[in-house]
PDB file of all heavy atoms in Angstrom:
ATOM      1  N   LEU A   1      68.658 183.346 123.114  1.00  0.00           N
ATOM      2  CA  LEU A   1      69.367 184.404 122.433  1.00  0.00           C
ATOM      3  C   LEU A   1      69.475 184.153 120.911  1.00  0.00           C
ATOM      4  O   LEU A   1      69.316 185.098 120.105  1.00  0.00           O
ATOM      5  CB  LEU A   1      70.773 184.541 123.013  1.00  0.00           C
ATOM      6  CG  LEU A   1      70.826 185.270 124.355  1.00  0.00           C
ATOM      7  CD1 LEU A   1      72.239 185.224 124.946  1.00  0.00           C
ATOM      8  CD2 LEU A   1      70.336 186.701 124.297  1.00  0.00           C
ATOM      9  N   ARG A   2      69.733 182.903 120.532  1.00  0.00           N
ATOM     10  CA  ARG A   2      69.892 182.638 119.086  1.00  0.00           C
ATOM     11  C   ARG A   2      68.580 182.805 118.344  1.00  0.00           C
ATOM     12  O   ARG A   2      68.587 183.335 117.220  1.00  0.00           O
ATOM     13  CB  ARG A   2      70.501 181.249 118.884  1.00  0.00           C
ATOM     14  CG  ARG A   2      69.611 180.080 119.225  1.00  0.00           C
ATOM     15  CD  ARG A   2      70.386 178.765 119.338  1.00  0.00           C
ATOM     16  NE  ARG A   2      70.819 178.276 118.072  1.00  0.00           N
ATOM     17  CZ  ARG A   2      70.154 177.366 117.348  1.00  0.00           C
ATOM     18  NH1 ARG A   2      68.974 176.887 117.818  1.00  0.00           N
ATOM     19  NH2 ARG A   2      70.604 176.942 116.191  1.00  0.00           N
ATOM     20  N   VAL A   3      67.497 182.435 118.972  1.00  0.00           N
ATOM     21  CA  VAL A   3      66.164 182.683 118.324  1.00  0.00           C
ATOM     22  C   VAL A   3      65.853 184.182 118.284  1.00  0.00           C
ATOM     23  O   VAL A   3      65.375 184.700 117.270  1.00  0.00           O
ATOM     24  CB  VAL A   3      65.058 181.927 119.090  1.00  0.00           C
ATOM     25  CG1 VAL A   3      63.714 182.278 118.491  1.00  0.00           C
ATOM     26  CG2 VAL A   3      65.280 180.419 118.977  1.00  0.00           C
ATOM     27  N   LEU A   4      66.141 184.874 119.364  1.00  0.00           N
ATOM     28  CA  LEU A   4      65.883 186.312 119.417  1.00  0.00           C
ATOM     29  C   LEU A   4      66.678 187.065 118.363  1.00  0.00           C
ATOM     30  O   LEU A   4      66.134 187.948 117.648  1.00  0.00           O
ATOM     31  CB  LEU A   4      66.229 186.861 120.817  1.00  0.00           C
ATOM     32  CG  LEU A   4      65.992 188.353 121.032  1.00  0.00           C
ATOM     33  CD1 LEU A   4      64.528 188.683 120.835  1.00  0.00           C
ATOM     34  CD2 LEU A   4      66.493 188.759 122.414  1.00  0.00           C
ATOM     35  N   ILE A   5      67.932 186.744 118.213  1.00  0.00           N
ATOM     36  CA  ILE A   5      68.792 187.388 117.216  1.00  0.00           C
ATOM     37  C   ILE A   5      68.260 187.143 115.827  1.00  0.00           C
ATOM     38  O   ILE A   5      68.209 188.081 114.980  1.00  0.00           O
ATOM     39  CB  ILE A   5      70.251 186.904 117.356  1.00  0.00           C
ATOM     40  CG1 ILE A   5      70.869 187.414 118.675  1.00  0.00           C
ATOM     41  CG2 ILE A   5      71.088 187.352 116.160  1.00  0.00           C
ATOM     42  CD1 ILE A   5      72.200 186.781 119.011  1.00  0.00           C
ATOM     43  N   CYS A   6      67.832 185.910 115.539  1.00  0.00           N
ATOM     44  CA  CYS A   6      67.311 185.591 114.217  1.00  0.00           C
ATOM     45  C   CYS A   6      65.996 186.350 113.952  1.00  0.00           C
ATOM     46  O   CYS A   6      65.771 186.788 112.813  1.00  0.00           O
ATOM     47  CB  CYS A   6      67.117 184.097 114.082  1.00  0.00           C
ATOM     48  SG  CYS A   6      68.646 183.178 113.926  1.00  0.00           S
ATOM     49  N   ARG A   7      65.157 186.505 114.941  1.00  0.00           N
ATOM     50  CA  ARG A   7      63.934 187.283 114.758  1.00  0.00           C
ATOM     51  C   ARG A   7      64.254 188.729 114.425  1.00  0.00           C
ATOM     52  O   ARG A   7      63.560 189.341 113.576  1.00  0.00           O
ATOM     53  CB  ARG A   7      63.093 187.207 116.035  1.00  0.00           C
ATOM     54  CG  ARG A   7      62.339 185.875 116.156  1.00  0.00           C
ATOM     55  CD  ARG A   7      61.440 185.912 117.363  1.00  0.00           C
ATOM     56  NE  ARG A   7      60.856 184.604 117.607  1.00  0.00           N
ATOM     57  CZ  ARG A   7      60.274 184.249 118.762  1.00  0.00           C
ATOM     58  NH1 ARG A   7      60.308 185.087 119.758  1.00  0.00           N
ATOM     59  NH2 ARG A   7      59.723 183.049 118.889  1.00  0.00           N
ATOM     60  N   VAL A   8      65.203 189.275 115.106  1.00  0.00           N
ATOM     61  CA  VAL A   8      65.611 190.685 114.811  1.00  0.00           C
ATOM     62  C   VAL A   8      66.121 190.807 113.417  1.00  0.00           C
ATOM     63  O   VAL A   8      65.847 191.796 112.710  1.00  0.00           O
ATOM     64  CB  VAL A   8      66.651 191.160 115.836  1.00  0.00           C
ATOM     65  CG1 VAL A   8      67.218 192.503 115.444  1.00  0.00           C
ATOM     66  CG2 VAL A   8      66.056 191.206 117.231  1.00  0.00           C
ATOM     67  N   ARG A   9      66.846 189.823 112.947  1.00  0.00           N
ATOM     68  CA  ARG A   9      67.454 189.877 111.626  1.00  0.00           C
ATOM     69  C   ARG A   9      66.437 189.635 110.527  1.00  0.00           C
ATOM     70  O   ARG A   9      66.668 189.992 109.331  1.00  0.00           O
ATOM     71  CB  ARG A   9      68.589 188.861 111.516  1.00  0.00           C
ATOM     72  CG  ARG A   9      69.780 189.179 112.398  1.00  0.00           C
ATOM     73  CD  ARG A   9      70.799 188.108 112.343  1.00  0.00           C
ATOM     74  NE  ARG A   9      71.368 187.991 111.012  1.00  0.00           N
ATOM     75  CZ  ARG A   9      72.202 187.039 110.650  1.00  0.00           C
ATOM     76  NH1 ARG A   9      72.552 186.079 111.512  1.00  0.00           N
ATOM     77  NH2 ARG A   9      72.669 186.958 109.419  1.00  0.00           N
ATOM     78  N   GLY A  10      65.308 188.953 110.812  1.00  0.00           N
ATOM     79  CA  GLY A  10      64.248 188.831 109.828  1.00  0.00           C
ATOM     80  C   GLY A  10      63.950 187.407 109.402  1.00  0.00           C
ATOM     81  O   GLY A  10      64.531 186.420 109.916  1.00  0.00           O
ATOM     82  N   ALA A  11      63.021 187.276 108.427  1.00  0.00           N
ATOM     83  CA  ALA A  11      62.484 185.990 108.029  1.00  0.00           C
ATOM     84  C   ALA A  11      63.563 185.064 107.461  1.00  0.00           C
ATOM     85  O   ALA A  11      63.499 183.840 107.702  1.00  0.00           O
ATOM     86  CB  ALA A  11      61.374 186.176 106.991  1.00  0.00           C
ATOM     87  N   LYS A  12      64.521 185.594 106.691  1.00  0.00           N
ATOM     88  CA  LYS A  12      65.540 184.735 106.130  1.00  0.00           C
ATOM     89  C   LYS A  12      66.416 184.098 107.189  1.00  0.00           C
ATOM     90  O   LYS A  12      66.837 182.960 107.082  1.00  0.00           O
ATOM     91  CB  LYS A  12      66.394 185.527 105.132  1.00  0.00           C
ATOM     92  CG  LYS A  12      65.689 185.871 103.831  1.00  0.00           C
ATOM     93  CD  LYS A  12      66.622 186.525 102.857  1.00  0.00           C
ATOM     94  CE  LYS A  12      65.922 186.820 101.520  1.00  0.00           C
ATOM     95  NZ  LYS A  12      66.824 187.461 100.540  1.00  0.00           N
ATOM     96  N   ALA A  13      66.701 184.853 108.243  1.00  0.00           N
ATOM     97  CA  ALA A  13      67.522 184.314 109.359  1.00  0.00           C
ATOM     98  C   ALA A  13      66.741 183.236 110.096  1.00  0.00           C
ATOM     99  O   ALA A  13      67.340 182.192 110.482  1.00  0.00           O
ATOM    100  CB  ALA A  13      67.887 185.456 110.301  1.00  0.00           C
ATOM    101  N   ILE A  14      65.447 183.426 110.275  1.00  0.00           N
ATOM    102  CA  ILE A  14      64.638 182.398 110.911  1.00  0.00           C
ATOM    103  C   ILE A  14      64.599 181.114 110.085  1.00  0.00           C
ATOM    104  O   ILE A  14      64.689 180.012 110.583  1.00  0.00           O
ATOM    105  CB  ILE A  14      63.175 182.897 111.148  1.00  0.00           C
ATOM    106  CG1 ILE A  14      63.183 183.921 112.279  1.00  0.00           C
ATOM    107  CG2 ILE A  14      62.231 181.776 111.472  1.00  0.00           C
ATOM    108  CD1 ILE A  14      63.414 183.348 113.655  1.00  0.00           C
ATOM    109  N   GLU A  15      64.475 181.287 108.772  1.00  0.00           N
ATOM    110  CA  GLU A  15      64.445 180.138 107.856  1.00  0.00           C
ATOM    111  C   GLU A  15      65.772 179.397 107.910  1.00  0.00           C
ATOM    112  O   GLU A  15      65.784 178.153 107.944  1.00  0.00           O
ATOM    113  CB  GLU A  15      64.160 180.618 106.422  1.00  0.00           C
ATOM    114  CG  GLU A  15      64.009 179.474 105.438  1.00  0.00           C
ATOM    115  CD  GLU A  15      63.708 179.955 104.038  1.00  0.00           C
ATOM    116  OE1 GLU A  15      63.401 181.154 103.901  1.00  0.00           O
ATOM    117  OE2 GLU A  15      63.743 179.119 103.143  1.00  0.00           O
ATOM    118  N   ALA A  16      66.877 180.111 107.949  1.00  0.00           N
ATOM    119  CA  ALA A  16      68.183 179.468 108.001  1.00  0.00           C
ATOM    120  C   ALA A  16      68.348 178.724 109.360  1.00  0.00           C
ATOM    121  O   ALA A  16      68.903 177.606 109.395  1.00  0.00           O
ATOM    122  CB  ALA A  16      69.297 180.501 107.849  1.00  0.00           C
ATOM    123  N   LEU A  17      67.874 179.328 110.426  1.00  0.00           N
ATOM    124  CA  LEU A  17      67.921 178.698 111.757  1.00  0.00           C
ATOM    125  C   LEU A  17      67.106 177.388 111.738  1.00  0.00           C
ATOM    126  O   LEU A  17      67.542 176.342 112.264  1.00  0.00           O
ATOM    127  CB  LEU A  17      67.371 179.655 112.809  1.00  0.00           C
ATOM    128  CG  LEU A  17      67.243 179.063 114.229  1.00  0.00           C
ATOM    129  CD1 LEU A  17      68.611 178.707 114.796  1.00  0.00           C
ATOM    130  CD2 LEU A  17      66.504 180.047 115.146  1.00  0.00           C
ATOM    131  N   ALA A  18      65.915 177.467 111.137  1.00  0.00           N
ATOM    132  CA  ALA A  18      65.064 176.268 111.105  1.00  0.00           C
ATOM    133  C   ALA A  18      65.754 175.152 110.295  1.00  0.00           C
ATOM    134  O   ALA A  18      65.638 173.956 110.625  1.00  0.00           O
ATOM    135  CB  ALA A  18      63.723 176.653 110.442  1.00  0.00           C
ATOM    136  N   GLN A  19      66.408 175.479 109.217  1.00  0.00           N
ATOM    137  CA  GLN A  19      67.097 174.468 108.405  1.00  0.00           C
ATOM    138  C   GLN A  19      68.229 173.843 109.174  1.00  0.00           C
ATOM    139  O   GLN A  19      68.445 172.611 109.128  1.00  0.00           O
ATOM    140  CB  GLN A  19      67.636 175.108 107.128  1.00  0.00           C
ATOM    141  CG  GLN A  19      66.543 175.508 106.148  1.00  0.00           C
ATOM    142  CD  GLN A  19      67.070 176.292 104.950  1.00  0.00           C
ATOM    143  OE1 GLN A  19      68.253 176.646 104.871  1.00  0.00           O
ATOM    144  NE2 GLN A  19      66.196 176.530 103.948  1.00  0.00           N
ATOM    145  N   ARG A  20      69.025 174.651 109.931  1.00  0.00           N
ATOM    146  CA  ARG A  20      70.129 174.106 110.716  1.00  0.00           C
ATOM    147  C   ARG A  20      69.585 173.173 111.831  1.00  0.00           C
ATOM    148  O   ARG A  20      70.124 172.099 112.078  1.00  0.00           O
ATOM    149  CB  ARG A  20      70.943 175.226 111.383  1.00  0.00           C
ATOM    150  CG  ARG A  20      71.788 176.026 110.362  1.00  0.00           C
ATOM    151  CD  ARG A  20      72.803 176.854 111.065  1.00  0.00           C
ATOM    152  NE  ARG A  20      72.188 177.853 111.986  1.00  0.00           N
ATOM    153  CZ  ARG A  20      71.815 179.092 111.639  1.00  0.00           C
ATOM    154  NH1 ARG A  20      71.955 179.488 110.355  1.00  0.00           N
ATOM    155  NH2 ARG A  20      71.304 179.913 112.515  1.00  0.00           N
ATOM    156  N   ASP A  21      68.515 173.617 112.485  1.00  0.00           N
ATOM    157  CA  ASP A  21      67.956 172.790 113.557  1.00  0.00           C
ATOM    158  C   ASP A  21      67.303 171.536 113.048  1.00  0.00           C
ATOM    159  O   ASP A  21      67.267 170.487 113.692  1.00  0.00           O
ATOM    160  CB  ASP A  21      66.949 173.624 114.383  1.00  0.00           C
ATOM    161  CG  ASP A  21      67.649 174.597 115.291  1.00  0.00           C
ATOM    162  OD1 ASP A  21      68.909 174.566 115.383  1.00  0.00           O
ATOM    163  OD2 ASP A  21      66.964 175.419 115.916  1.00  0.00           O
ATOM    164  N   ARG A  22      66.737 171.622 111.805  1.00  0.00           N
ATOM    165  CA  ARG A  22      66.140 170.418 111.227  1.00  0.00           C
ATOM    166  C   ARG A  22      67.224 169.356 110.950  1.00  0.00           C
ATOM    167  O   ARG A  22      66.977 168.163 111.117  1.00  0.00           O
ATOM    168  CB  ARG A  22      65.448 170.793 109.889  1.00  0.00           C
ATOM    169  CG  ARG A  22      64.674 169.658 109.240  1.00  0.00           C
ATOM    170  CD  ARG A  22      63.621 169.088 110.158  1.00  0.00           C
ATOM    171  NE  ARG A  22      62.622 168.296 109.452  1.00  0.00           N
ATOM    172  CZ  ARG A  22      61.605 167.691 110.050  1.00  0.00           C
ATOM    173  NH1 ARG A  22      61.487 167.815 111.362  1.00  0.00           N
ATOM    174  NH2 ARG A  22      60.707 167.004 109.340  1.00  0.00           N
ATOM    175  N   LEU A  23      68.400 169.775 110.569  1.00  0.00           N
ATOM    176  CA  LEU A  23      69.498 168.858 110.380  1.00  0.00           C
ATOM    177  C   LEU A  23      69.846 168.148 111.677  1.00  0.00           C
ATOM    178  O   LEU A  23      70.087 166.936 111.672  1.00  0.00           O
ATOM    179  CB  LEU A  23      70.724 169.636 109.840  1.00  0.00           C
ATOM    180  CG  LEU A  23      71.987 168.783 109.615  1.00  0.00           C
ATOM    181  CD1 LEU A  23      71.736 167.656 108.615  1.00  0.00           C
ATOM    182  CD2 LEU A  23      73.156 169.664 109.155  1.00  0.00           C
ATOM    183  N   ARG A  24      69.798 168.847 112.768  1.00  0.00           N
ATOM    184  CA  ARG A  24      70.071 168.240 114.085  1.00  0.00           C
ATOM    185  C   ARG A  24      68.996 167.198 114.403  1.00  0.00           C
ATOM    186  O   ARG A  24      69.244 166.147 114.980  1.00  0.00           O
ATOM    187  CB  ARG A  24      70.097 169.317 115.172  1.00  0.00           C
ATOM    188  CG  ARG A  24      71.304 170.251 115.043  1.00  0.00           C
ATOM    189  CD  ARG A  24      71.410 171.131 116.291  1.00  0.00           C
ATOM    190  NE  ARG A  24      72.551 172.009 116.236  1.00  0.00           N
ATOM    191  CZ  ARG A  24      72.532 173.249 115.759  1.00  0.00           C
ATOM    192  NH1 ARG A  24      71.376 173.778 115.281  1.00  0.00           N
ATOM    193  NH2 ARG A  24      73.612 173.996 115.737  1.00  0.00           N
ATOM    194  N   GLN A  25      67.749 167.526 114.029  1.00  0.00           N
ATOM    195  CA  GLN A  25      66.661 166.563 114.311  1.00  0.00           C
ATOM    196  C   GLN A  25      66.876 165.318 113.457  1.00  0.00           C
ATOM    197  O   GLN A  25      66.613 164.165 113.940  1.00  0.00           O
ATOM    198  CB  GLN A  25      65.312 167.213 113.949  1.00  0.00           C
ATOM    199  CG  GLN A  25      64.917 168.306 114.876  1.00  0.00           C
ATOM    200  CD  GLN A  25      63.654 169.013 114.478  1.00  0.00           C
ATOM    201  OE1 GLN A  25      63.184 168.839 113.342  1.00  0.00           O
ATOM    202  NE2 GLN A  25      63.091 169.829 115.375  1.00  0.00           N
ATOM    203  N   ARG A  26      67.311 165.455 112.199  1.00  0.00           N
ATOM    204  CA  ARG A  26      67.569 164.324 111.370  1.00  0.00           C
ATOM    205  C   ARG A  26      68.684 163.445 111.935  1.00  0.00           C
ATOM    206  O   ARG A  26      68.614 162.224 111.956  1.00  0.00           O
ATOM    207  CB  ARG A  26      67.900 164.776 109.942  1.00  0.00           C
ATOM    208  CG  ARG A  26      68.029 163.609 108.956  1.00  0.00           C
ATOM    209  CD  ARG A  26      68.343 164.127 107.536  1.00  0.00           C
ATOM    210  NE  ARG A  26      67.334 165.013 107.046  1.00  0.00           N
ATOM    211  CZ  ARG A  26      67.560 166.314 106.757  1.00  0.00           C
ATOM    212  NH1 ARG A  26      68.752 166.845 106.919  1.00  0.00           N
ATOM    213  NH2 ARG A  26      66.562 167.044 106.314  1.00  0.00           N
TER     214      ARG A  26
END
């Protein structure tokens, strides 16, 4: 759901999601 919502919202939302998830990876 969180990925789907970000895709609907557009590229900026996907980029923000990727940044948050990258922090979790770190």
